Amino acid sequence: MTTTAPTPEALFAKIDGKELHAVAELLAENATMVFGNGDPLVGRAAILAANTAFMETIAALRHRIVDSWVVGATTIAVTEVTYTRLDTRQVTLPAVTIWRVGDDGLIVDFRVVLDLTPVYAP
């Protein structure tokens, strides 16, 4: 069965809404995720746990899609992400998110390329 990969608009709406279980439903059970220079996360449960922990360190986030491309089973999205810190200061960072889906339309590989250092800077 082949289904459509999630669009950048649909995926980032779920992320920005902190709908982490809905995001996890878009992942294959054995999906991998690499966020920034972090270690690879393997499996839907590990990815959900890490993203849940990350969301507790910020008040909010919002993606603005600058551009996106679909090449076969791979989607590439260039974004500007505005993070609202727990102290209410906002930091906007450039990011590139790349995801590849399997034949079932579920994400099997998810990569977020950015430097989060400014979000946590004093």
PDB file of N, CA and C in Angstrom:
ATOM      1  N   MET A   1       0.845  -1.174   0.000  1.00  0.00           N
ATOM      2  CA  MET A   1       0.000   0.000   0.000  1.00  0.00           C
ATOM      3  C   MET A   1       0.891   1.238   0.000  1.00  0.00           C
ATOM      4  N   THR A   2       0.650   2.159  -0.893  1.00  0.00           N
ATOM      5  CA  THR A   2       1.413   3.396  -0.949  1.00  0.00           C
ATOM      6  C   THR A   2       0.506   4.547  -0.559  1.00  0.00           C
ATOM      7  N   THR A   3       0.973   5.358   0.356  1.00  0.00           N
ATOM      8  CA  THR A   3       0.229   6.538   0.749  1.00  0.00           C
ATOM      9  C   THR A   3       1.125   7.748   0.571  1.00  0.00           C
ATOM     10  N   THR A   4       0.563   8.903   0.672  1.00  0.00           N
ATOM     11  CA  THR A   4       1.297  10.133   0.466  1.00  0.00           C
ATOM     12  C   THR A   4       2.099  10.504   1.701  1.00  0.00           C
ATOM     13  N   ALA A   5       3.297  11.000   1.456  1.00  0.00           N
ATOM     14  CA  ALA A   5       4.130  11.490   2.555  1.00  0.00           C
ATOM     15  C   ALA A   5       3.489  12.732   3.154  1.00  0.00           C
ATOM     16  N   PRO A   6       3.742  12.998   4.431  1.00  0.00           N
ATOM     17  CA  PRO A   6       3.202  14.222   5.031  1.00  0.00           C
ATOM     18  C   PRO A   6       3.808  15.459   4.368  1.00  0.00           C
ATOM     19  N   THR A   7       2.974  16.446   4.116  1.00  0.00           N
ATOM     20  CA  THR A   7       3.465  17.699   3.544  1.00  0.00           C
ATOM     21  C   THR A   7       4.174  18.503   4.631  1.00  0.00           C
ATOM     22  N   PRO A   8       5.062  19.411   4.235  1.00  0.00           N
ATOM     23  CA  PRO A   8       5.682  20.268   5.255  1.00  0.00           C
ATOM     24  C   PRO A   8       4.640  21.035   6.074  1.00  0.00           C
ATOM     25  N   GLU A   9       3.620  21.549   5.416  1.00  0.00           N
ATOM     26  CA  GLU A   9       2.587  22.305   6.140  1.00  0.00           C
ATOM     27  C   GLU A   9       1.898  21.453   7.198  1.00  0.00           C
ATOM     28  N   ALA A  10       1.533  20.233   6.828  1.00  0.00           N
ATOM     29  CA  ALA A  10       0.838  19.344   7.768  1.00  0.00           C
ATOM     30  C   ALA A  10       1.759  18.910   8.904  1.00  0.00           C
ATOM     31  N   LEU A  11       2.996  18.559   8.570  1.00  0.00           N
ATOM     32  CA  LEU A  11       3.931  18.101   9.595  1.00  0.00           C
ATOM     33  C   LEU A  11       4.263  19.215  10.582  1.00  0.00           C
ATOM     34  N   PHE A  12       4.601  20.401  10.063  1.00  0.00           N
ATOM     35  CA  PHE A  12       4.989  21.490  10.958  1.00  0.00           C
ATOM     36  C   PHE A  12       3.804  22.011  11.767  1.00  0.00           C
ATOM     37  N   ALA A  13       2.596  21.916  11.251  1.00  0.00           N
ATOM     38  CA  ALA A  13       1.420  22.305  12.044  1.00  0.00           C
ATOM     39  C   ALA A  13       1.297  21.414  13.276  1.00  0.00           C
ATOM     40  N   LYS A  14       1.550  20.105  13.105  1.00  0.00           N
ATOM     41  CA  LYS A  14       1.496  19.184  14.247  1.00  0.00           C
ATOM     42  C   LYS A  14       2.630  19.472  15.234  1.00  0.00           C
ATOM     43  N   ILE A  15       3.827  19.718  14.708  1.00  0.00           N
ATOM     44  CA  ILE A  15       4.962  20.009  15.585  1.00  0.00           C
ATOM     45  C   ILE A  15       4.717  21.308  16.338  1.00  0.00           C
ATOM     46  N   ASP A  16       4.304  22.359  15.627  1.00  0.00           N
ATOM     47  CA  ASP A  16       4.074  23.658  16.261  1.00  0.00           C
ATOM     48  C   ASP A  16       2.954  23.600  17.293  1.00  0.00           C
ATOM     49  N   GLY A  17       2.002  22.712  17.079  1.00  0.00           N
ATOM     50  CA  GLY A  17       0.915  22.527  18.041  1.00  0.00           C
ATOM     51  C   GLY A  17       1.290  21.590  19.174  1.00  0.00           C
ATOM     52  N   LYS A  18       2.519  21.139  19.168  1.00  0.00           N
ATOM     53  CA  LYS A  18       3.025  20.184  20.159  1.00  0.00           C
ATOM     54  C   LYS A  18       2.164  18.920  20.211  1.00  0.00           C
ATOM     55  N   GLU A  19       1.662  18.523  19.057  1.00  0.00           N
ATOM     56  CA  GLU A  19       0.867  17.303  18.922  1.00  0.00           C
ATOM     57  C   GLU A  19       1.822  16.131  18.678  1.00  0.00           C
ATOM     58  N   LEU A  20       2.607  15.815  19.673  1.00  0.00           N
ATOM     59  CA  LEU A  20       3.701  14.866  19.493  1.00  0.00           C
ATOM     60  C   LEU A  20       3.233  13.445  19.212  1.00  0.00           C
ATOM     61  N   HIS A  21       2.103  13.053  19.761  1.00  0.00           N
ATOM     62  CA  HIS A  21       1.584  11.716  19.455  1.00  0.00           C
ATOM     63  C   HIS A  21       1.116  11.655  18.002  1.00  0.00           C
ATOM     64  N   ALA A  22       0.561  12.744  17.497  1.00  0.00           N
ATOM     65  CA  ALA A  22       0.154  12.792  16.090  1.00  0.00           C
ATOM     66  C   ALA A  22       1.377  12.740  15.179  1.00  0.00           C
ATOM     67  N   VAL A  23       2.461  13.393  15.581  1.00  0.00           N
ATOM     68  CA  VAL A  23       3.706  13.317  14.817  1.00  0.00           C
ATOM     69  C   VAL A  23       4.233  11.889  14.848  1.00  0.00           C
ATOM     70  N   ALA A  24       4.206  11.261  16.003  1.00  0.00           N
ATOM     71  CA  ALA A  24       4.700   9.884  16.130  1.00  0.00           C
ATOM     72  C   ALA A  24       3.925   8.925  15.230  1.00  0.00           C
ATOM     73  N   GLU A  25       2.646   9.189  15.022  1.00  0.00           N
ATOM     74  CA  GLU A  25       1.840   8.328  14.151  1.00  0.00           C
ATOM     75  C   GLU A  25       2.282   8.413  12.694  1.00  0.00           C
ATOM     76  N   LEU A  26       3.039   9.447  12.345  1.00  0.00           N
ATOM     77  CA  LEU A  26       3.565   9.591  10.990  1.00  0.00           C
ATOM     78  C   LEU A  26       4.864   8.827  10.793  1.00  0.00           C
ATOM     79  N   LEU A  27       5.391   8.249  11.882  1.00  0.00           N
ATOM     80  CA  LEU A  27       6.679   7.555  11.854  1.00  0.00           C
ATOM     81  C   LEU A  27       6.499   6.049  11.755  1.00  0.00           C
ATOM     82  N   ALA A  28       7.392   5.414  11.002  1.00  0.00           N
ATOM     83  CA  ALA A  28       7.456   3.956  11.002  1.00  0.00           C
ATOM     84  C   ALA A  28       7.943   3.512  12.379  1.00  0.00           C
ATOM     85  N   GLU A  29       7.604   2.313  12.790  1.00  0.00           N
ATOM     86  CA  GLU A  29       8.022   1.796  14.102  1.00  0.00           C
ATOM     87  C   GLU A  29       9.536   1.839  14.273  1.00  0.00           C
ATOM     88  N   ASN A  30      10.279   1.584  13.201  1.00  0.00           N
ATOM     89  CA  ASN A  30      11.743   1.533  13.284  1.00  0.00           C
ATOM     90  C   ASN A  30      12.398   2.787  12.707  1.00  0.00           C
ATOM     91  N   ALA A  31      11.672   3.897  12.692  1.00  0.00           N
ATOM     92  CA  ALA A  31      12.192   5.145  12.134  1.00  0.00           C
ATOM     93  C   ALA A  31      13.443   5.589  12.877  1.00  0.00           C
ATOM     94  N   THR A  32      14.275   6.359  12.185  1.00  0.00           N
ATOM     95  CA  THR A  32      15.423   6.987  12.818  1.00  0.00           C
ATOM     96  C   THR A  32      15.261   8.497  12.721  1.00  0.00           C
ATOM     97  N   MET A  33      15.803   9.192  13.716  1.00  0.00           N
ATOM     98  CA  MET A  33      15.769  10.652  13.723  1.00  0.00           C
ATOM     99  C   MET A  33      17.108  11.167  14.226  1.00  0.00           C
ATOM    100  N   VAL A  34      17.629  12.175  13.535  1.00  0.00           N
ATOM    101  CA  VAL A  34      18.824  12.875  13.990  1.00  0.00           C
ATOM    102  C   VAL A  34      18.449  14.349  14.071  1.00  0.00           C
ATOM    103  N   PHE A  35      18.623  14.929  15.259  1.00  0.00           N
ATOM    104  CA  PHE A  35      18.276  16.333  15.507  1.00  0.00           C
ATOM    105  C   PHE A  35      19.571  17.083  15.792  1.00  0.00           C
ATOM    106  N   GLY A  36      19.911  18.032  14.917  1.00  0.00           N
ATOM    107  CA  GLY A  36      21.144  18.781  15.090  1.00  0.00           C
ATOM    108  C   GLY A  36      22.334  17.846  15.098  1.00  0.00           C
ATOM    109  N   ASN A  37      23.213  18.027  16.066  1.00  0.00           N
ATOM    110  CA  ASN A  37      24.377  17.152  16.167  1.00  0.00           C
ATOM    111  C   ASN A  37      24.176  16.066  17.223  1.00  0.00           C
ATOM    112  N   GLY A  38      22.917  15.792  17.553  1.00  0.00           N
ATOM    113  CA  GLY A  38      22.613  14.766  18.546  1.00  0.00           C
ATOM    114  C   GLY A  38      22.809  13.365  18.007  1.00  0.00           C
ATOM    115  N   ASP A  39      22.833  12.427  18.917  1.00  0.00           N
ATOM    116  CA  ASP A  39      22.938  11.026  18.531  1.00  0.00           C
ATOM    117  C   ASP A  39      21.651  10.591  17.833  1.00  0.00           C
ATOM    118  N   PRO A  40      21.755   9.644  16.908  1.00  0.00           N
ATOM    119  CA  PRO A  40      20.550   9.147  16.242  1.00  0.00           C
ATOM    120  C   PRO A  40      19.597   8.508  17.247  1.00  0.00           C
ATOM    121  N   LEU A  41      18.319   8.790  17.070  1.00  0.00           N
ATOM    122  CA  LEU A  41      17.260   8.140  17.840  1.00  0.00           C
ATOM    123  C   LEU A  41      16.684   7.046  16.956  1.00  0.00           C
ATOM    124  N   VAL A  42      16.428   5.888  17.522  1.00  0.00           N
ATOM    125  CA  VAL A  42      15.924   4.767  16.731  1.00  0.00           C
ATOM    126  C   VAL A  42      14.631   4.271  17.349  1.00  0.00           C
ATOM    127  N   GLY A  43      13.588   4.267  16.533  1.00  0.00           N
ATOM    128  CA  GLY A  43      12.295   3.759  16.957  1.00  0.00           C
ATOM    129  C   GLY A  43      11.332   4.866  17.342  1.00  0.00           C
ATOM    130  N   ARG A  44      10.073   4.626  17.027  1.00  0.00           N
ATOM    131  CA  ARG A  44       9.013   5.596  17.294  1.00  0.00           C
ATOM    132  C   ARG A  44       8.964   6.018  18.760  1.00  0.00           C
ATOM    133  N   ALA A  45       9.074   5.061  19.677  1.00  0.00           N
ATOM    134  CA  ALA A  45       8.984   5.373  21.111  1.00  0.00           C
ATOM    135  C   ALA A  45      10.141   6.265  21.558  1.00  0.00           C
ATOM    136  N   ALA A  46      11.357   5.975  21.094  1.00  0.00           N
ATOM    137  CA  ALA A  46      12.523   6.783  21.473  1.00  0.00           C
ATOM    138  C   ALA A  46      12.409   8.201  20.916  1.00  0.00           C
ATOM    139  N   ILE A  47      11.921   8.319  19.700  1.00  0.00           N
ATOM    140  CA  ILE A  47      11.756   9.636  19.084  1.00  0.00           C
ATOM    141  C   ILE A  47      10.694  10.440  19.825  1.00  0.00           C
ATOM    142  N   LEU A  48       9.591   9.812  20.160  1.00  0.00           N
ATOM    143  CA  LEU A  48       8.533  10.481  20.917  1.00  0.00           C
ATOM    144  C   LEU A  48       9.047  10.941  22.284  1.00  0.00           C
ATOM    145  N   ALA A  49       9.776  10.080  22.977  1.00  0.00           N
ATOM    146  CA  ALA A  49      10.303  10.431  24.305  1.00  0.00           C
ATOM    147  C   ALA A  49      11.268  11.608  24.224  1.00  0.00           C
ATOM    148  N   ALA A  50      12.160  11.603  23.249  1.00  0.00           N
ATOM    149  CA  ALA A  50      13.133  12.692  23.106  1.00  0.00           C
ATOM    150  C   ALA A  50      12.448  13.996  22.741  1.00  0.00           C
ATOM    151  N   ASN A  51      11.478  13.941  21.852  1.00  0.00           N
ATOM    152  CA  ASN A  51      10.777  15.159  21.461  1.00  0.00           C
ATOM    153  C   ASN A  51       9.915  15.703  22.597  1.00  0.00           C
ATOM    154  N   THR A  52       9.342  14.814  23.383  1.00  0.00           N
ATOM    155  CA  THR A  52       8.572  15.246  24.546  1.00  0.00           C
ATOM    156  C   THR A  52       9.480  15.963  25.541  1.00  0.00           C
ATOM    157  N   ALA A  53      10.654  15.395  25.789  1.00  0.00           N
ATOM    158  CA  ALA A  53      11.616  16.024  26.707  1.00  0.00           C
ATOM    159  C   ALA A  53      12.064  17.379  26.163  1.00  0.00           C
ATOM    160  N   PHE A  54      12.327  17.471  24.868  1.00  0.00           N
ATOM    161  CA  PHE A  54      12.748  18.739  24.268  1.00  0.00           C
ATOM    162  C   PHE A  54      11.659  19.800  24.420  1.00  0.00           C
ATOM    163  N   MET A  55      10.414  19.443  24.148  1.00  0.00           N
ATOM    164  CA  MET A  55       9.318  20.414  24.210  1.00  0.00           C
ATOM    165  C   MET A  55       9.135  20.984  25.615  1.00  0.00           C
ATOM    166  N   GLU A  56       9.568  20.246  26.627  1.00  0.00           N
ATOM    167  CA  GLU A  56       9.478  20.750  27.998  1.00  0.00           C
ATOM    168  C   GLU A  56      10.508  21.847  28.279  1.00  0.00           C
ATOM    169  N   THR A  57      11.499  22.005  27.382  1.00  0.00           N
ATOM    170  CA  THR A  57      12.543  23.017  27.583  1.00  0.00           C
ATOM    171  C   THR A  57      12.233  24.336  26.890  1.00  0.00           C
ATOM    172  N   ILE A  58      11.122  24.389  26.156  1.00  0.00           N
ATOM    173  CA  ILE A  58      10.721  25.617  25.464  1.00  0.00           C
ATOM    174  C   ILE A  58       9.248  25.875  25.732  1.00  0.00           C
ATOM    175  N   ALA A  59       8.838  27.133  25.558  1.00  0.00           N
ATOM    176  CA  ALA A  59       7.418  27.465  25.737  1.00  0.00           C
ATOM    177  C   ALA A  59       6.623  27.189  24.469  1.00  0.00           C
ATOM    178  N   ALA A  60       7.231  27.452  23.305  1.00  0.00           N
ATOM    179  CA  ALA A  60       6.519  27.274  22.038  1.00  0.00           C
ATOM    180  C   ALA A  60       7.523  27.302  20.885  1.00  0.00           C
ATOM    181  N   LEU A  61       7.039  26.919  19.707  1.00  0.00           N
ATOM    182  CA  LEU A  61       7.817  27.050  18.488  1.00  0.00           C
ATOM    183  C   LEU A  61       6.889  27.246  17.315  1.00  0.00           C
ATOM    184  N   ARG A  62       7.436  27.869  16.266  1.00  0.00           N
ATOM    185  CA  ARG A  62       6.636  28.145  15.064  1.00  0.00           C
ATOM    186  C   ARG A  62       7.558  28.059  13.853  1.00  0.00           C
ATOM    187  N   HIS A  63       7.158  27.265  12.877  1.00  0.00           N
ATOM    188  CA  HIS A  63       7.917  27.119  11.635  1.00  0.00           C
ATOM    189  C   HIS A  63       7.343  28.028  10.553  1.00  0.00           C
ATOM    190  N   ARG A  64       8.219  28.696   9.836  1.00  0.00           N
ATOM    191  CA  ARG A  64       7.844  29.409   8.609  1.00  0.00           C
ATOM    192  C   ARG A  64       8.594  28.727   7.474  1.00  0.00           C
ATOM    193  N   ILE A  65       7.831  28.162   6.551  1.00  0.00           N
ATOM    194  CA  ILE A  65       8.434  27.434   5.442  1.00  0.00           C
ATOM    195  C   ILE A  65       8.954  28.456   4.423  1.00  0.00           C
ATOM    196  N   VAL A  66      10.242  28.382   4.160  1.00  0.00           N
ATOM    197  CA  VAL A  66      10.877  29.258   3.180  1.00  0.00           C
ATOM    198  C   VAL A  66      10.789  28.625   1.800  1.00  0.00           C
ATOM    199  N   ASP A  67      11.038  27.311   1.740  1.00  0.00           N
ATOM    200  CA  ASP A  67      10.973  26.578   0.483  1.00  0.00           C
ATOM    201  C   ASP A  67      10.902  25.093   0.806  1.00  0.00           C
ATOM    202  N   SER A  68      10.424  24.312  -0.135  1.00  0.00           N
ATOM    203  CA  SER A  68      10.404  22.858   0.059  1.00  0.00           C
ATOM    204  C   SER A  68      10.407  22.163  -1.295  1.00  0.00           C
ATOM    205  N   TRP A  69      10.924  20.942  -1.275  1.00  0.00           N
ATOM    206  CA  TRP A  69      11.000  20.122  -2.464  1.00  0.00           C
ATOM    207  C   TRP A  69      10.669  18.687  -2.106  1.00  0.00           C
ATOM    208  N   VAL A  70      10.082  17.989  -3.048  1.00  0.00           N
ATOM    209  CA  VAL A  70       9.880  16.545  -2.910  1.00  0.00           C
ATOM    210  C   VAL A  70      10.654  15.891  -4.046  1.00  0.00           C
ATOM    211  N   VAL A  71      11.558  14.991  -3.692  1.00  0.00           N
ATOM    212  CA  VAL A  71      12.364  14.266  -4.666  1.00  0.00           C
ATOM    213  C   VAL A  71      12.160  12.782  -4.380  1.00  0.00           C
ATOM    214  N   GLY A  72      11.333  12.144  -5.165  1.00  0.00           N
ATOM    215  CA  GLY A  72      11.017  10.746  -4.906  1.00  0.00           C
ATOM    216  C   GLY A  72      10.332  10.598  -3.557  1.00  0.00           C
ATOM    217  N   ALA A  73      10.933   9.808  -2.693  1.00  0.00           N
ATOM    218  CA  ALA A  73      10.358   9.552  -1.367  1.00  0.00           C
ATOM    219  C   ALA A  73      10.882  10.528  -0.310  1.00  0.00           C
ATOM    220  N   THR A  74      11.653  11.525  -0.735  1.00  0.00           N
ATOM    221  CA  THR A  74      12.302  12.441   0.195  1.00  0.00           C
ATOM    222  C   THR A  74      11.720  13.841   0.079  1.00  0.00           C
ATOM    223  N   THR A  75      11.419  14.443   1.233  1.00  0.00           N
ATOM    224  CA  THR A  75      10.962  15.830   1.299  1.00  0.00           C
ATOM    225  C   THR A  75      12.039  16.639   2.004  1.00  0.00           C
ATOM    226  N   ILE A  76      12.337  17.803   1.441  1.00  0.00           N
ATOM    227  CA  ILE A  76      13.325  18.713   2.011  1.00  0.00           C
ATOM    228  C   ILE A  76      12.610  20.032   2.264  1.00  0.00           C
ATOM    229  N   ALA A  77      12.692  20.532   3.479  1.00  0.00           N
ATOM    230  CA  ALA A  77      12.032  21.794   3.825  1.00  0.00           C
ATOM    231  C   ALA A  77      13.036  22.745   4.466  1.00  0.00           C
ATOM    232  N   VAL A  78      13.144  23.924   3.888  1.00  0.00           N
ATOM    233  CA  VAL A  78      13.961  24.989   4.461  1.00  0.00           C
ATOM    234  C   VAL A  78      13.009  25.875   5.257  1.00  0.00           C
ATOM    235  N   THR A  79      13.343  26.111   6.518  1.00  0.00           N
ATOM    236  CA  THR A  79      12.437  26.862   7.378  1.00  0.00           C
ATOM    237  C   THR A  79      13.187  27.895   8.210  1.00  0.00           C
ATOM    238  N   GLU A  80      12.409  28.796   8.758  1.00  0.00           N
ATOM    239  CA  GLU A  80      12.854  29.654   9.842  1.00  0.00           C
ATOM    240  C   GLU A  80      11.991  29.253  11.028  1.00  0.00           C
ATOM    241  N   VAL A  81      12.631  28.868  12.108  1.00  0.00           N
ATOM    242  CA  VAL A  81      11.901  28.379  13.276  1.00  0.00           C
ATOM    243  C   VAL A  81      12.052  29.396  14.400  1.00  0.00           C
ATOM    244  N   THR A  82      10.932  29.880  14.885  1.00  0.00           N
ATOM    245  CA  THR A  82      10.944  30.800  16.018  1.00  0.00           C
ATOM    246  C   THR A  82      10.616  30.009  17.272  1.00  0.00           C
ATOM    247  N   TYR A  83      11.580  29.993  18.188  1.00  0.00           N
ATOM    248  CA  TYR A  83      11.427  29.314  19.473  1.00  0.00           C
ATOM    249  C   TYR A  83      11.093  30.366  20.524  1.00  0.00           C
ATOM    250  N   THR A  84      10.080  30.119  21.318  1.00  0.00           N
ATOM    251  CA  THR A  84       9.801  30.951  22.480  1.00  0.00           C
ATOM    252  C   THR A  84      10.377  30.210  23.674  1.00  0.00           C
ATOM    253  N   ARG A  85      11.349  30.852  24.302  1.00  0.00           N
ATOM    254  CA  ARG A  85      12.015  30.250  25.451  1.00  0.00           C
ATOM    255  C   ARG A  85      11.101  30.293  26.672  1.00  0.00           C
ATOM    256  N   LEU A  86      11.479  29.579  27.693  1.00  0.00           N
ATOM    257  CA  LEU A  86      10.684  29.573  28.920  1.00  0.00           C
ATOM    258  C   LEU A  86      10.659  30.950  29.578  1.00  0.00           C
ATOM    259  N   ASP A  87      11.671  31.790  29.304  1.00  0.00           N
ATOM    260  CA  ASP A  87      11.685  33.159  29.835  1.00  0.00           C
ATOM    261  C   ASP A  87      10.937  34.131  28.921  1.00  0.00           C
ATOM    262  N   THR A  88      10.246  33.622  27.915  1.00  0.00           N
ATOM    263  CA  THR A  88       9.416  34.318  26.916  1.00  0.00           C
ATOM    264  C   THR A  88      10.210  35.031  25.821  1.00  0.00           C
ATOM    265  N   ARG A  89      11.545  35.035  25.889  1.00  0.00           N
ATOM    266  CA  ARG A  89      12.326  35.595  24.781  1.00  0.00           C
ATOM    267  C   ARG A  89      12.166  34.701  23.563  1.00  0.00           C
ATOM    268  N   GLN A  90      12.188  35.321  22.380  1.00  0.00           N
ATOM    269  CA  GLN A  90      12.072  34.551  21.150  1.00  0.00           C
ATOM    270  C   GLN A  90      13.395  34.553  20.393  1.00  0.00           C
ATOM    271  N   VAL A  91      13.691  33.421  19.782  1.00  0.00           N
ATOM    272  CA  VAL A  91      14.889  33.248  18.979  1.00  0.00           C
ATOM    273  C   VAL A  91      14.460  32.594  17.674  1.00  0.00           C
ATOM    274  N   THR A  92      14.840  33.192  16.542  1.00  0.00           N
ATOM    275  CA  THR A  92      14.507  32.625  15.236  1.00  0.00           C
ATOM    276  C   THR A  92      15.776  32.081  14.591  1.00  0.00           C
ATOM    277  N   LEU A  93      15.707  30.838  14.141  1.00  0.00           N
ATOM    278  CA  LEU A  93      16.862  30.147  13.581  1.00  0.00           C
ATOM    279  C   LEU A  93      16.536  29.548  12.218  1.00  0.00           C
ATOM    280  N   PRO A  94      17.523  29.510  11.328  1.00  0.00           N
ATOM    281  CA  PRO A  94      17.335  28.791  10.064  1.00  0.00           C
ATOM    282  C   PRO A  94      17.471  27.292  10.312  1.00  0.00           C
ATOM    283  N   ALA A  95      16.700  26.519   9.574  1.00  0.00           N
ATOM    284  CA  ALA A  95      16.771  25.055   9.714  1.00  0.00           C
ATOM    285  C   ALA A  95      16.453  24.392   8.388  1.00  0.00           C
ATOM    286  N   VAL A  96      16.934  23.189   8.242  1.00  0.00           N
ATOM    287  CA  VAL A  96      16.570  22.332   7.116  1.00  0.00           C
ATOM    288  C   VAL A  96      16.099  21.014   7.709  1.00  0.00           C
ATOM    289  N   THR A  97      14.927  20.576   7.295  1.00  0.00           N
ATOM    290  CA  THR A  97      14.382  19.304   7.756  1.00  0.00           C
ATOM    291  C   THR A  97      14.208  18.408   6.541  1.00  0.00           C
ATOM    292  N   ILE A  98      14.672  17.195   6.660  1.00  0.00           N
ATOM    293  CA  ILE A  98      14.623  16.235   5.557  1.00  0.00           C
ATOM    294  C   ILE A  98      13.972  14.964   6.079  1.00  0.00           C
ATOM    295  N   TRP A  99      12.954  14.479   5.373  1.00  0.00           N
ATOM    296  CA  TRP A  99      12.387  13.185   5.761  1.00  0.00           C
ATOM    297  C   TRP A  99      12.149  12.332   4.539  1.00  0.00           C
ATOM    298  N   ARG A 100      12.351  11.023   4.758  1.00  0.00           N
ATOM    299  CA  ARG A 100      12.148  10.032   3.708  1.00  0.00           C
ATOM    300  C   ARG A 100      11.091   9.054   4.189  1.00  0.00           C
ATOM    301  N   VAL A 101      10.182   8.714   3.301  1.00  0.00           N
ATOM    302  CA  VAL A 101       9.104   7.796   3.663  1.00  0.00           C
ATOM    303  C   VAL A 101       9.298   6.449   2.978  1.00  0.00           C
ATOM    304  N   GLY A 102       8.712   5.439   3.606  1.00  0.00           N
ATOM    305  CA  GLY A 102       8.685   4.109   3.014  1.00  0.00           C
ATOM    306  C   GLY A 102       7.479   3.977   2.089  1.00  0.00           C
ATOM    307  N   ASP A 103       7.287   2.792   1.548  1.00  0.00           N
ATOM    308  CA  ASP A 103       6.169   2.540   0.629  1.00  0.00           C
ATOM    309  C   ASP A 103       4.812   2.789   1.266  1.00  0.00           C
ATOM    310  N   ASP A 104       4.734   2.688   2.586  1.00  0.00           N
ATOM    311  CA  ASP A 104       3.465   2.892   3.279  1.00  0.00           C
ATOM    312  C   ASP A 104       3.203   4.370   3.597  1.00  0.00           C
ATOM    313  N   GLY A 105       4.141   5.263   3.216  1.00  0.00           N
ATOM    314  CA  GLY A 105       3.967   6.687   3.471  1.00  0.00           C
ATOM    315  C   GLY A 105       4.426   7.128   4.852  1.00  0.00           C
ATOM    316  N   LEU A 106       4.883   6.194   5.679  1.00  0.00           N
ATOM    317  CA  LEU A 106       5.378   6.545   7.011  1.00  0.00           C
ATOM    318  C   LEU A 106       6.847   6.963   6.928  1.00  0.00           C
ATOM    319  N   ILE A 107       7.212   7.914   7.764  1.00  0.00           N
ATOM    320  CA  ILE A 107       8.581   8.421   7.770  1.00  0.00           C
ATOM    321  C   ILE A 107       9.518   7.362   8.339  1.00  0.00           C
ATOM    322  N   VAL A 108      10.581   7.055   7.576  1.00  0.00           N
ATOM    323  CA  VAL A 108      11.569   6.080   8.033  1.00  0.00           C
ATOM    324  C   VAL A 108      12.874   6.758   8.444  1.00  0.00           C
ATOM    325  N   ASP A 109      13.119   7.953   7.932  1.00  0.00           N
ATOM    326  CA  ASP A 109      14.336   8.692   8.259  1.00  0.00           C
ATOM    327  C   ASP A 109      13.975  10.164   8.368  1.00  0.00           C
ATOM    328  N   PHE A 110      14.330  10.790   9.487  1.00  0.00           N
ATOM    329  CA  PHE A 110      13.945  12.172   9.771  1.00  0.00           C
ATOM    330  C   PHE A 110      15.173  12.904  10.284  1.00  0.00           C
ATOM    331  N   ARG A 111      15.535  13.999   9.632  1.00  0.00           N
ATOM    332  CA  ARG A 111      16.738  14.739  10.022  1.00  0.00           C
ATOM    333  C   ARG A 111      16.432  16.220  10.111  1.00  0.00           C
ATOM    334  N   VAL A 112      16.870  16.824  11.196  1.00  0.00           N
ATOM    335  CA  VAL A 112      16.701  18.266  11.401  1.00  0.00           C
ATOM    336  C   VAL A 112      18.104  18.851  11.542  1.00  0.00           C
ATOM    337  N   VAL A 113      18.436  19.764  10.628  1.00  0.00           N
ATOM    338  CA  VAL A 113      19.763  20.360  10.614  1.00  0.00           C
ATOM    339  C   VAL A 113      19.648  21.799  11.091  1.00  0.00           C
ATOM    340  N   LEU A 114      20.167  22.069  12.290  1.00  0.00           N
ATOM    341  CA  LEU A 114      20.186  23.413  12.860  1.00  0.00           C
ATOM    342  C   LEU A 114      21.060  23.418  14.093  1.00  0.00           C
ATOM    343  N   ASP A 115      21.353  24.607  14.573  1.00  0.00           N
ATOM    344  CA  ASP A 115      22.136  24.783  15.787  1.00  0.00           C
ATOM    345  C   ASP A 115      21.238  25.429  16.830  1.00  0.00           C
ATOM    346  N   LEU A 116      20.883  24.675  17.854  1.00  0.00           N
ATOM    347  CA  LEU A 116      19.989  25.169  18.905  1.00  0.00           C
ATOM    348  C   LEU A 116      20.686  26.013  19.966  1.00  0.00           C
ATOM    349  N   THR A 117      21.980  26.178  19.878  1.00  0.00           N
ATOM    350  CA  THR A 117      22.718  26.901  20.912  1.00  0.00           C
ATOM    351  C   THR A 117      22.070  28.242  21.287  1.00  0.00           C
ATOM    352  N   PRO A 118      21.647  29.078  20.320  1.00  0.00           N
ATOM    353  CA  PRO A 118      21.054  30.364  20.686  1.00  0.00           C
ATOM    354  C   PRO A 118      19.769  30.258  21.525  1.00  0.00           C
ATOM    355  N   VAL A 119      19.069  29.151  21.402  1.00  0.00           N
ATOM    356  CA  VAL A 119      17.828  28.989  22.183  1.00  0.00           C
ATOM    357  C   VAL A 119      18.137  28.903  23.666  1.00  0.00           C
ATOM    358  N   TYR A 120      19.284  28.348  24.008  1.00  0.00           N
ATOM    359  CA  TYR A 120      19.633  28.137  25.411  1.00  0.00           C
ATOM    360  C   TYR A 120      20.679  29.114  25.930  1.00  0.00           C
ATOM    361  N   ALA A 121      21.103  30.052  25.087  1.00  0.00           N
ATOM    362  CA  ALA A 121      22.112  31.034  25.516  1.00  0.00           C
ATOM    363  C   ALA A 121      21.520  31.981  26.565  1.00  0.00           C
ATOM    364  N   PRO A 122      22.348  32.425  27.499  1.00  0.00           N
ATOM    365  CA  PRO A 122      21.855  33.350  28.529  1.00  0.00           C
ATOM    366  C   PRO A 122      21.405  34.683  27.928  1.00  0.00           C
TER     367      PRO A 122
END
